[in-house]
Protein backbone atom coordinates (compact mmCIF):
# COMPACT_ATOMS: atom_id res chain seq x y z
CA MET A 1 138.58 80.28 149.87
CA SER A 2 137.46 79.21 146.83
CA ARG A 3 135.55 80.89 143.56
CA ILE A 4 132.69 79.05 144.70
CA LYS A 5 132.28 80.11 148.09
CA LEU A 6 132.89 83.86 147.56
CA TYR A 7 129.89 83.78 145.57
CA GLY A 8 127.49 82.04 147.59
CA LEU A 9 129.25 84.42 150.74
CA ASN A 10 128.10 87.45 148.26
CA SER A 11 124.42 86.08 147.50
CA PHE A 12 123.94 85.72 151.19
CA LEU A 13 125.22 88.61 152.25
CA LEU A 14 122.80 90.88 150.10
CA LEU A 15 119.68 88.52 150.39
CA MET A 16 120.55 89.72 154.09
CA THR A 17 120.61 93.59 153.33
CA VAL A 18 116.53 92.71 151.98
CA PRO A 19 114.12 93.78 155.35
CA TRP A 20 112.01 90.44 154.94
CA PHE A 21 110.57 90.02 158.39
CA PHE A 22 109.18 92.96 158.57
CA ILE A 23 105.81 92.17 157.92
CA ASN A 24 104.29 94.04 160.71
CA THR A 25 101.88 96.39 160.27
CA LYS A 26 102.53 99.12 162.61
CA MET A 27 104.99 101.35 161.87
CA GLU A 28 107.83 101.92 165.21
CA SER A 29 110.61 104.14 164.62
CA THR A 30 113.26 105.17 166.08
CA GLY A 31 114.71 108.81 165.40
CA GLY A 32 112.18 109.04 162.85
CA PHE A 33 113.43 106.48 160.98
CA PRO A 34 111.24 103.43 160.88
CA HIS A 35 113.47 100.43 161.96
CA TRP A 36 113.12 99.00 158.57
CA ALA A 37 114.79 100.99 157.10
CA LEU A 38 117.16 101.49 160.06
CA TYR A 39 118.42 97.94 159.38
CA ALA A 40 118.35 98.58 155.39
CA LEU A 41 120.64 100.92 156.04
CA PHE A 42 122.79 99.57 158.90
CA SER A 43 123.27 96.26 156.48
CA THR A 44 124.14 98.00 153.22
CA LEU A 45 127.10 99.02 155.27
CA ILE A 46 127.85 96.17 156.80
CA TYR A 47 127.67 94.25 153.28
CA ALA A 48 129.81 97.40 151.72
CA ILE A 49 132.50 96.66 154.87
CA SER A 50 132.69 93.29 153.55
CA ILE A 51 132.88 93.40 150.01
CA PHE A 52 135.92 95.71 150.46
CA TYR A 53 137.47 92.63 152.00
CA PHE A 54 136.15 90.21 150.04
CA LEU A 55 138.17 92.75 147.03
CA HIS A 56 141.42 93.29 149.55
CA ARG A 57 142.23 89.14 150.36
CA TYR A 58 140.53 87.82 147.31
CA TRP A 59 141.25 89.62 144.35
CA SER A 60 144.09 87.63 142.93
CA ILE A 61 141.26 83.94 143.18
CA SER A 62 139.34 86.16 141.17
CA ALA A 63 141.06 87.22 138.70
CA SER A 64 143.41 84.55 138.07
CA GLU A 65 140.66 82.81 135.64
CA LYS A 66 142.32 86.16 132.99
CA THR A 67 145.16 86.23 133.36
CA LEU A 68 147.47 89.20 130.57
CA LYS A 69 150.29 87.23 128.40
CA LYS A 70 153.28 89.43 128.07
């Protein structure tokens, strides 16, 4: 995967962590948390897991431009 695709996917996932579509005026909740808060927590967990995967799998692509000369 190219660096541009990684940055694009990372930006998309980051934008998906914001609960854009919860503009309802009634406050429904589950376990004392509003639904938008549960969505934000769950999507942040998914984002963190994806960043872990990207760093583990594609670190060499990200760091390939700056190599140290010995």
